[in-house]
Amino acid sequence: MKCPQCGYAMSETDLDCPRCEKLKEQERIDSIKLHPVAPPMPPPAVIQPQYSRRYVEVNHTLAWVAGCIPLIAIGIGGILVALGFPSWGLSVVVMIIINSIICGIDLQYLKKLGLNTTPLSSGAAAILVPAYLFQRPQVAGGGNGYAILWVVLFIITICIPH
């Protein structure tokens, strides 16, 4: 008996042509060689951000109040001078105390929101109000407007004749 496709002489016990089977196997191997199957891609790496930052609605009112404290100190100083106190030194002490209290309340507010307040509670920001106000936008977002306001008003406070 002969194979109907290639004419190869098959034995009576062969169900399929051995020659055609070999040719099909060779074609499959050649096809794989011509069109290799790419190995499966590894799953994409999960990139963890260095700082996980979620969106938090932050109220900047306390920072603006802290920025206005030198203006309040001018008023307090004027009242103290009118009451007979000869020096503006007391108004500066009052300004420092009020600033410290407001910045402390603001720091607790930011901690309560879950923000990383480490830059605000260490170094110069823990002691100096302008340093705190300039570093606050790194933690809470926003701009430096309240810090610039504080500096301008403080310079005006110093320039007022005593």
N, C-alpha and C. Protein backbone atom coordinates (compact mmCIF):
# COMPACT_ATOMS: atom_id res chain seq x y z
N MET A 1 0.84 -1.16 0.00
CA MET A 1 0.00 0.00 0.00
C MET A 1 0.89 1.23 0.00
N LYS A 2 0.47 2.24 -0.77
CA LYS A 2 1.25 3.46 -0.91
C LYS A 2 0.52 4.60 -0.21
N CYS A 3 1.32 5.57 0.30
CA CYS A 3 0.75 6.77 0.95
C CYS A 3 0.09 7.62 -0.11
N PRO A 4 -1.17 8.03 0.11
CA PRO A 4 -1.85 8.84 -0.90
C PRO A 4 -1.23 10.22 -1.07
N GLN A 5 -0.48 10.71 -0.10
CA GLN A 5 0.09 12.05 -0.20
C GLN A 5 1.46 12.05 -0.87
N CYS A 6 2.35 11.15 -0.40
CA CYS A 6 3.72 11.21 -0.91
C CYS A 6 4.10 10.00 -1.76
N GLY A 7 3.25 8.96 -1.78
CA GLY A 7 3.54 7.78 -2.58
C GLY A 7 4.51 6.83 -1.91
N TYR A 8 4.86 7.02 -0.64
CA TYR A 8 5.78 6.15 0.09
C TYR A 8 5.12 4.79 0.30
N ALA A 9 5.92 3.73 0.14
CA ALA A 9 5.39 2.38 0.32
C ALA A 9 5.27 2.09 1.81
N MET A 10 4.03 1.93 2.28
CA MET A 10 3.75 1.67 3.69
C MET A 10 3.46 0.18 3.89
N SER A 11 3.69 -0.30 5.08
CA SER A 11 3.30 -1.67 5.40
C SER A 11 1.81 -1.68 5.72
N GLU A 12 1.25 -2.83 5.73
CA GLU A 12 -0.18 -2.93 5.96
C GLU A 12 -0.54 -2.63 7.40
N THR A 13 0.38 -2.67 8.29
CA THR A 13 0.11 -2.39 9.69
C THR A 13 0.21 -0.89 10.03
N ASP A 14 0.82 -0.10 9.13
CA ASP A 14 0.96 1.34 9.38
C ASP A 14 -0.38 2.04 9.20
N LEU A 15 -0.79 2.79 10.19
CA LEU A 15 -2.02 3.57 10.06
C LEU A 15 -1.74 4.89 9.35
N ASP A 16 -0.60 5.47 9.64
CA ASP A 16 -0.19 6.72 8.99
C ASP A 16 1.16 6.50 8.33
N CYS A 17 1.43 7.35 7.36
CA CYS A 17 2.68 7.25 6.63
C CYS A 17 3.82 7.72 7.52
N PRO A 18 4.84 6.86 7.76
CA PRO A 18 5.97 7.28 8.60
C PRO A 18 6.74 8.43 7.99
N ARG A 19 6.83 8.44 6.67
CA ARG A 19 7.57 9.51 5.99
C ARG A 19 6.83 10.85 6.18
N CYS A 20 5.51 10.86 5.99
CA CYS A 20 4.73 12.10 6.16
C CYS A 20 4.80 12.58 7.61
N GLU A 21 4.75 11.64 8.55
CA GLU A 21 4.85 12.01 9.97
C GLU A 21 6.19 12.68 10.26
N LYS A 22 7.29 12.13 9.69
CA LYS A 22 8.61 12.73 9.88
C LYS A 22 8.67 14.12 9.25
N LEU A 23 8.07 14.27 8.06
CA LEU A 23 8.06 15.57 7.39
C LEU A 23 7.27 16.60 8.20
N LYS A 24 6.12 16.18 8.74
CA LYS A 24 5.33 17.09 9.57
C LYS A 24 6.10 17.51 10.82
N GLU A 25 6.80 16.56 11.43
CA GLU A 25 7.59 16.86 12.62
C GLU A 25 8.73 17.81 12.27
N GLN A 26 9.37 17.60 11.14
CA GLN A 26 10.46 18.48 10.70
C GLN A 26 9.95 19.88 10.41
N GLU A 27 8.77 19.98 9.76
CA GLU A 27 8.17 21.28 9.48
C GLU A 27 7.85 22.03 10.77
N ARG A 28 7.36 21.29 11.78
CA ARG A 28 7.05 21.91 13.07
C ARG A 28 8.32 22.43 13.73
N ILE A 29 9.39 21.67 13.68
CA ILE A 29 10.67 22.10 14.26
C ILE A 29 11.21 23.31 13.51
N ASP A 30 11.15 23.27 12.17
CA ASP A 30 11.62 24.41 11.38
C ASP A 30 10.78 25.66 11.67
N SER A 31 9.50 25.48 11.85
CA SER A 31 8.62 26.61 12.15
C SER A 31 8.99 27.24 13.49
N ILE A 32 9.32 26.42 14.47
CA ILE A 32 9.73 26.93 15.78
C ILE A 32 11.04 27.68 15.66
N LYS A 33 11.95 27.15 14.81
CA LYS A 33 13.25 27.81 14.65
C LYS A 33 13.08 29.16 13.95
N LEU A 34 12.17 29.23 12.97
CA LEU A 34 11.94 30.49 12.26
C LEU A 34 11.16 31.49 13.09
N HIS A 35 10.23 31.01 13.89
CA HIS A 35 9.37 31.87 14.70
C HIS A 35 9.45 31.41 16.15
N PRO A 36 10.54 31.72 16.81
CA PRO A 36 10.67 31.23 18.18
C PRO A 36 9.61 31.86 19.09
N VAL A 37 9.17 31.10 20.02
CA VAL A 37 8.19 31.59 20.99
C VAL A 37 8.98 32.23 22.12
N ALA A 38 8.63 33.47 22.40
CA ALA A 38 9.33 34.19 23.47
C ALA A 38 8.96 33.58 24.81
N PRO A 39 9.94 33.54 25.70
CA PRO A 39 9.61 33.02 27.03
C PRO A 39 8.61 33.96 27.69
N PRO A 40 7.84 33.47 28.60
CA PRO A 40 6.85 34.33 29.25
C PRO A 40 7.54 35.48 29.99
N MET A 41 6.91 36.63 29.92
CA MET A 41 7.47 37.81 30.58
C MET A 41 7.30 37.67 32.09
N PRO A 42 8.32 38.08 32.84
CA PRO A 42 8.15 38.06 34.29
C PRO A 42 7.12 39.13 34.68
N PRO A 43 6.47 38.96 35.79
CA PRO A 43 5.50 39.98 36.20
C PRO A 43 6.22 41.30 36.44
N PRO A 44 5.56 42.41 36.16
CA PRO A 44 6.21 43.70 36.35
C PRO A 44 6.56 43.90 37.81
N ALA A 45 7.71 44.51 38.02
CA ALA A 45 8.17 44.77 39.38
C ALA A 45 7.30 45.87 39.99
N VAL A 46 6.96 45.69 41.22
CA VAL A 46 6.19 46.70 41.92
C VAL A 46 7.18 47.71 42.48
N ILE A 47 7.06 48.94 42.03
CA ILE A 47 7.98 49.98 42.47
C ILE A 47 7.36 50.70 43.64
N GLN A 48 8.05 50.65 44.74
CA GLN A 48 7.57 51.35 45.93
C GLN A 48 8.13 52.76 45.91
N PRO A 49 7.27 53.77 46.00
CA PRO A 49 7.80 55.13 46.04
C PRO A 49 8.62 55.35 47.30
N GLN A 50 9.60 56.23 47.17
CA GLN A 50 10.46 56.49 48.31
C GLN A 50 9.64 57.07 49.45
N TYR A 51 8.76 57.99 49.12
CA TYR A 51 7.88 58.59 50.11
C TYR A 51 6.45 58.38 49.65
N SER A 52 5.69 57.68 50.43
CA SER A 52 4.29 57.48 50.09
C SER A 52 3.53 58.72 50.53
N ARG A 53 2.93 59.39 49.58
CA ARG A 53 2.24 60.63 49.89
C ARG A 53 0.80 60.51 49.43
N ARG A 54 -0.09 60.55 50.38
CA ARG A 54 -1.50 60.53 50.04
C ARG A 54 -2.01 61.96 50.10
N TYR A 55 -3.10 62.21 49.39
CA TYR A 55 -3.64 63.55 49.36
C TYR A 55 -4.37 63.82 50.66
N VAL A 56 -4.03 64.92 51.29
CA VAL A 56 -4.67 65.34 52.53
C VAL A 56 -5.04 66.80 52.37
N GLU A 57 -6.27 67.11 52.69
CA GLU A 57 -6.73 68.50 52.66
C GLU A 57 -6.16 69.21 53.89
N VAL A 58 -5.30 70.20 53.66
CA VAL A 58 -4.63 70.90 54.75
C VAL A 58 -5.15 72.33 54.83
N ASN A 59 -5.51 72.74 56.03
CA ASN A 59 -5.95 74.10 56.28
C ASN A 59 -4.72 74.92 56.68
N HIS A 60 -4.47 76.02 56.00
CA HIS A 60 -3.28 76.83 56.24
C HIS A 60 -3.56 78.07 57.10
N THR A 61 -4.72 78.14 57.74
CA THR A 61 -5.09 79.32 58.51
C THR A 61 -4.11 79.60 59.64
N LEU A 62 -3.71 78.57 60.38
CA LEU A 62 -2.77 78.78 61.49
C LEU A 62 -1.43 79.32 60.99
N ALA A 63 -0.99 78.86 59.83
CA ALA A 63 0.28 79.36 59.29
C ALA A 63 0.14 80.84 58.93
N TRP A 64 -1.01 81.23 58.36
CA TRP A 64 -1.22 82.64 58.03
C TRP A 64 -1.32 83.49 59.30
N VAL A 65 -1.94 82.95 60.34
CA VAL A 65 -2.00 83.69 61.62
C VAL A 65 -0.59 83.86 62.17
N ALA A 66 0.22 82.80 62.09
CA ALA A 66 1.62 82.90 62.55
C ALA A 66 2.37 83.93 61.72
N GLY A 67 2.06 84.02 60.43
CA GLY A 67 2.71 85.02 59.58
C GLY A 67 2.31 86.45 59.95
N CYS A 68 1.14 86.62 60.52
CA CYS A 68 0.66 87.96 60.90
C CYS A 68 1.05 88.36 62.32
N ILE A 69 1.66 87.49 63.09
CA ILE A 69 1.99 87.79 64.48
C ILE A 69 2.86 89.04 64.62
N PRO A 70 3.85 89.32 63.76
CA PRO A 70 4.60 90.57 63.93
C PRO A 70 3.70 91.81 63.85
N LEU A 71 2.67 91.76 63.03
CA LEU A 71 1.72 92.87 62.96
C LEU A 71 0.97 93.02 64.28
N ILE A 72 0.59 91.89 64.86
CA ILE A 72 -0.07 91.91 66.16
C ILE A 72 0.89 92.45 67.22
N ALA A 73 2.16 92.09 67.09
CA ALA A 73 3.16 92.58 68.04
C ALA A 73 3.32 94.09 67.95
N ILE A 74 3.18 94.65 66.75
CA ILE A 74 3.23 96.11 66.60
C ILE A 74 2.10 96.73 67.40
N GLY A 75 0.91 96.15 67.28
CA GLY A 75 -0.23 96.66 68.05
C GLY A 75 -0.02 96.53 69.54
N ILE A 76 0.47 95.37 69.97
CA ILE A 76 0.73 95.16 71.40
C ILE A 76 1.79 96.13 71.89
N GLY A 77 2.84 96.33 71.08
CA GLY A 77 3.90 97.27 71.45
C GLY A 77 3.37 98.69 71.58
N GLY A 78 2.48 99.08 70.65
CA GLY A 78 1.88 100.42 70.74
C GLY A 78 1.06 100.58 71.99
N ILE A 79 0.30 99.55 72.35
CA ILE A 79 -0.51 99.60 73.57
C ILE A 79 0.39 99.69 74.80
N LEU A 80 1.49 98.89 74.81
CA LEU A 80 2.40 98.90 75.96
C LEU A 80 3.08 100.26 76.11
N VAL A 81 3.46 100.88 74.99
CA VAL A 81 4.08 102.20 75.05
C VAL A 81 3.06 103.22 75.56
N ALA A 82 1.82 103.09 75.09
CA ALA A 82 0.76 104.01 75.55
C ALA A 82 0.48 103.83 77.03
N LEU A 83 0.68 102.64 77.55
CA LEU A 83 0.46 102.39 78.98
C LEU A 83 1.64 102.81 79.83
N GLY A 84 2.71 103.24 79.21
CA GLY A 84 3.84 103.75 79.96
C GLY A 84 5.05 102.83 80.01
N PHE A 85 5.00 101.70 79.33
CA PHE A 85 6.18 100.84 79.28
C PHE A 85 7.16 101.46 78.29
N PRO A 86 8.41 101.71 78.70
CA PRO A 86 9.34 102.43 77.85
C PRO A 86 9.93 101.61 76.71
N SER A 87 9.85 100.31 76.74
CA SER A 87 10.57 99.51 75.75
C SER A 87 9.62 98.64 74.93
N TRP A 88 10.05 98.39 73.69
CA TRP A 88 9.32 97.47 72.83
C TRP A 88 9.75 96.02 73.10
N GLY A 89 10.72 95.85 73.97
CA GLY A 89 11.25 94.51 74.25
C GLY A 89 10.18 93.55 74.73
N LEU A 90 9.25 94.07 75.53
CA LEU A 90 8.19 93.22 76.04
C LEU A 90 7.29 92.72 74.90
N SER A 91 7.05 93.58 73.91
CA SER A 91 6.21 93.15 72.77
C SER A 91 6.91 92.07 71.95
N VAL A 92 8.24 92.14 71.87
CA VAL A 92 8.99 91.11 71.16
C VAL A 92 8.88 89.78 71.90
N VAL A 93 8.96 89.82 73.24
CA VAL A 93 8.81 88.61 74.03
C VAL A 93 7.41 88.02 73.85
N VAL A 94 6.41 88.89 73.87
CA VAL A 94 5.03 88.44 73.66
C VAL A 94 4.89 87.83 72.26
N MET A 95 5.51 88.46 71.25
CA MET A 95 5.45 87.95 69.88
C MET A 95 6.07 86.56 69.79
N ILE A 96 7.20 86.36 70.45
CA ILE A 96 7.87 85.04 70.42
C ILE A 96 6.99 84.00 71.09
N ILE A 97 6.39 84.34 72.22
CA ILE A 97 5.54 83.39 72.94
C ILE A 97 4.31 83.02 72.10
N ILE A 98 3.65 84.03 71.54
CA ILE A 98 2.46 83.75 70.72
C ILE A 98 2.83 82.93 69.49
N ASN A 99 3.93 83.28 68.83
CA ASN A 99 4.39 82.50 67.67
C ASN A 99 4.66 81.06 68.05
N SER A 100 5.33 80.84 69.16
CA SER A 100 5.65 79.47 69.59
C SER A 100 4.38 78.67 69.84
N ILE A 101 3.40 79.30 70.48
CA ILE A 101 2.14 78.60 70.76
C ILE A 101 1.41 78.25 69.46
N ILE A 102 1.32 79.21 68.55
CA ILE A 102 0.60 78.96 67.29
C ILE A 102 1.31 77.91 66.45
N CYS A 103 2.63 77.99 66.36
CA CYS A 103 3.38 76.98 65.58
C CYS A 103 3.25 75.60 66.23
N GLY A 104 3.23 75.54 67.56
CA GLY A 104 3.04 74.26 68.25
C GLY A 104 1.67 73.66 67.96
N ILE A 105 0.64 74.51 67.97
CA ILE A 105 -0.72 74.03 67.65
C ILE A 105 -0.77 73.57 66.19
N ASP A 106 -0.13 74.32 65.30
CA ASP A 106 -0.10 73.95 63.88
C ASP A 106 0.63 72.62 63.68
N LEU A 107 1.73 72.43 64.40
CA LEU A 107 2.49 71.18 64.29
C LEU A 107 1.63 70.00 64.75
N GLN A 108 0.90 70.16 65.83
CA GLN A 108 0.01 69.09 66.30
C GLN A 108 -1.10 68.81 65.29
N TYR A 109 -1.61 69.87 64.66
CA TYR A 109 -2.64 69.71 63.63
C TYR A 109 -2.11 68.89 62.45
N LEU A 110 -0.89 69.20 62.01
CA LEU A 110 -0.31 68.46 60.88
C LEU A 110 -0.04 67.01 61.25
N LYS A 111 0.39 66.76 62.49
CA LYS A 111 0.60 65.38 62.94
C LYS A 111 -0.72 64.62 62.96
N LYS A 112 -1.78 65.30 63.40
CA LYS A 112 -3.10 64.68 63.47
C LYS A 112 -3.60 64.27 62.07
N LEU A 113 -3.19 65.03 61.05
CA LEU A 113 -3.56 64.69 59.68
C LEU A 113 -2.76 63.49 59.16
N GLY A 114 -1.73 63.09 59.89
CA GLY A 114 -0.93 61.94 59.48
C GLY A 114 0.25 62.31 58.60
N LEU A 115 0.63 63.58 58.56
CA LEU A 115 1.77 64.00 57.75
C LEU A 115 3.07 63.79 58.52
N ASN A 116 4.13 63.56 57.79
CA ASN A 116 5.46 63.40 58.39
C ASN A 116 5.99 64.78 58.76
N THR A 117 5.99 65.09 60.04
CA THR A 117 6.39 66.42 60.51
C THR A 117 7.82 66.47 61.01
N THR A 118 8.62 65.48 60.69
CA THR A 118 10.01 65.44 61.16
C THR A 118 10.80 66.69 60.76
N PRO A 119 10.68 67.20 59.52
CA PRO A 119 11.44 68.41 59.18
C PRO A 119 11.04 69.64 60.01
N LEU A 120 9.82 69.64 60.54
CA LEU A 120 9.35 70.79 61.30
C LEU A 120 9.70 70.72 62.78
N SER A 121 9.97 69.52 63.26
CA SER A 121 10.23 69.38 64.69
C SER A 121 11.69 69.13 65.00
N SER A 122 12.56 69.36 64.03
CA SER A 122 13.98 69.19 64.28
C SER A 122 14.75 70.37 63.68
N GLY A 123 15.91 70.62 64.22
CA GLY A 123 16.78 71.68 63.68
C GLY A 123 16.24 73.07 63.97
N ALA A 124 16.53 73.98 63.05
CA ALA A 124 16.18 75.38 63.22
C ALA A 124 14.67 75.59 63.24
N ALA A 125 13.92 74.74 62.55
CA ALA A 125 12.47 74.91 62.48
C ALA A 125 11.82 74.71 63.84
N ALA A 126 12.47 73.96 64.72
CA ALA A 126 11.91 73.74 66.05
C ALA A 126 12.09 74.97 66.94
N ILE A 127 12.99 75.87 66.56
CA ILE A 127 13.31 77.03 67.40
C ILE A 127 12.86 78.33 66.75
N LEU A 128 13.14 78.49 65.46
CA LEU A 128 12.89 79.76 64.78
C LEU A 128 11.60 79.71 63.97
N VAL A 129 10.74 80.69 64.20
CA VAL A 129 9.44 80.74 63.51
C VAL A 129 9.61 80.85 62.00
N PRO A 130 10.48 81.74 61.48
CA PRO A 130 10.59 81.80 60.02
C PRO A 130 11.09 80.49 59.41
N ALA A 131 12.00 79.81 60.10
CA ALA A 131 12.47 78.52 59.58
C ALA A 131 11.31 77.52 59.54
N TYR A 132 10.48 77.52 60.57
CA TYR A 132 9.30 76.65 60.60
C TYR A 132 8.38 76.98 59.43
N LEU A 133 8.11 78.27 59.23
CA LEU A 133 7.17 78.67 58.18
C LEU A 133 7.72 78.40 56.78
N PHE A 134 9.04 78.51 56.61
CA PHE A 134 9.63 78.22 55.29
C PHE A 134 9.68 76.72 55.01
N GLN A 135 9.79 75.89 56.05
CA GLN A 135 9.85 74.44 55.84
C GLN A 135 8.46 73.79 55.83
N ARG A 136 7.46 74.49 56.30
CA ARG A 136 6.10 73.94 56.36
C ARG A 136 5.56 73.51 54.99
N PRO A 137 5.78 74.25 53.89
CA PRO A 137 5.25 73.79 52.60
C PRO A 137 5.81 72.45 52.15
N GLN A 138 6.99 72.07 52.60
CA GLN A 138 7.54 70.75 52.24
C GLN A 138 6.70 69.65 52.86
N VAL A 139 6.09 69.92 54.00
CA VAL A 139 5.28 68.92 54.69
C VAL A 139 3.81 69.01 54.28
N ALA A 140 3.28 70.24 54.23
CA ALA A 140 1.84 70.42 54.06
C ALA A 140 1.44 70.93 52.69
N GLY A 141 2.40 71.20 51.83
CA GLY A 141 2.07 71.76 50.52
C GLY A 141 1.80 73.25 50.63
N GLY A 142 1.39 73.85 49.55
CA GLY A 142 1.15 75.29 49.56
C GLY A 142 2.42 76.04 49.22
N GLY A 143 2.40 77.33 49.46
CA GLY A 143 3.55 78.16 49.14
C GLY A 143 4.19 78.76 50.37
N ASN A 144 5.12 79.67 50.15
CA ASN A 144 5.85 80.32 51.23
C ASN A 144 5.28 81.69 51.58
N GLY A 145 4.06 81.98 51.17
CA GLY A 145 3.49 83.31 51.38
C GLY A 145 3.46 83.72 52.83
N TYR A 146 3.05 82.84 53.72
CA TYR A 146 2.98 83.20 55.14
C TYR A 146 4.36 83.42 55.74
N ALA A 147 5.38 82.71 55.25
CA ALA A 147 6.74 82.91 55.74
C ALA A 147 7.29 84.26 55.27
N ILE A 148 7.03 84.59 54.01
CA ILE A 148 7.48 85.89 53.47
C ILE A 148 6.76 87.02 54.20
N LEU A 149 5.45 86.84 54.46
CA LEU A 149 4.69 87.84 55.21
C LEU A 149 5.31 88.05 56.58
N TRP A 150 5.66 86.98 57.27
CA TRP A 150 6.26 87.09 58.60
C TRP A 150 7.55 87.90 58.54
N VAL A 151 8.42 87.60 57.57
CA VAL A 151 9.71 88.30 57.46
C VAL A 151 9.48 89.78 57.18
N VAL A 152 8.59 90.10 56.25
CA VAL A 152 8.33 91.51 55.91
C VAL A 152 7.78 92.26 57.12
N LEU A 153 6.80 91.66 57.80
CA LEU A 153 6.23 92.33 58.97
C LEU A 153 7.24 92.44 60.11
N PHE A 154 8.12 91.46 60.26
CA PHE A 154 9.13 91.54 61.30
C PHE A 154 10.11 92.66 61.01
N ILE A 155 10.49 92.82 59.72
CA ILE A 155 11.38 93.93 59.35
C ILE A 155 10.71 95.27 59.63
N ILE A 156 9.43 95.35 59.31
CA ILE A 156 8.69 96.59 59.60
C ILE A 156 8.65 96.84 61.10
N THR A 157 8.46 95.79 61.90
CA THR A 157 8.45 95.93 63.36
C THR A 157 9.78 96.47 63.86
N ILE A 158 10.86 95.99 63.29
CA ILE A 158 12.18 96.46 63.73
C ILE A 158 12.42 97.90 63.31
N CYS A 159 11.90 98.29 62.15
CA CYS A 159 12.13 99.63 61.61
C CYS A 159 11.30 100.72 62.29
N ILE A 160 10.23 100.33 62.98
CA ILE A 160 9.40 101.34 63.66
C ILE A 160 10.22 101.96 64.79
N PRO A 161 10.25 103.29 64.86
CA PRO A 161 11.03 103.91 65.93
C PRO A 161 10.44 103.57 67.30
N HIS A 162 11.35 103.38 68.22
CA HIS A 162 10.93 103.01 69.57
C HIS A 162 10.70 104.23 70.37
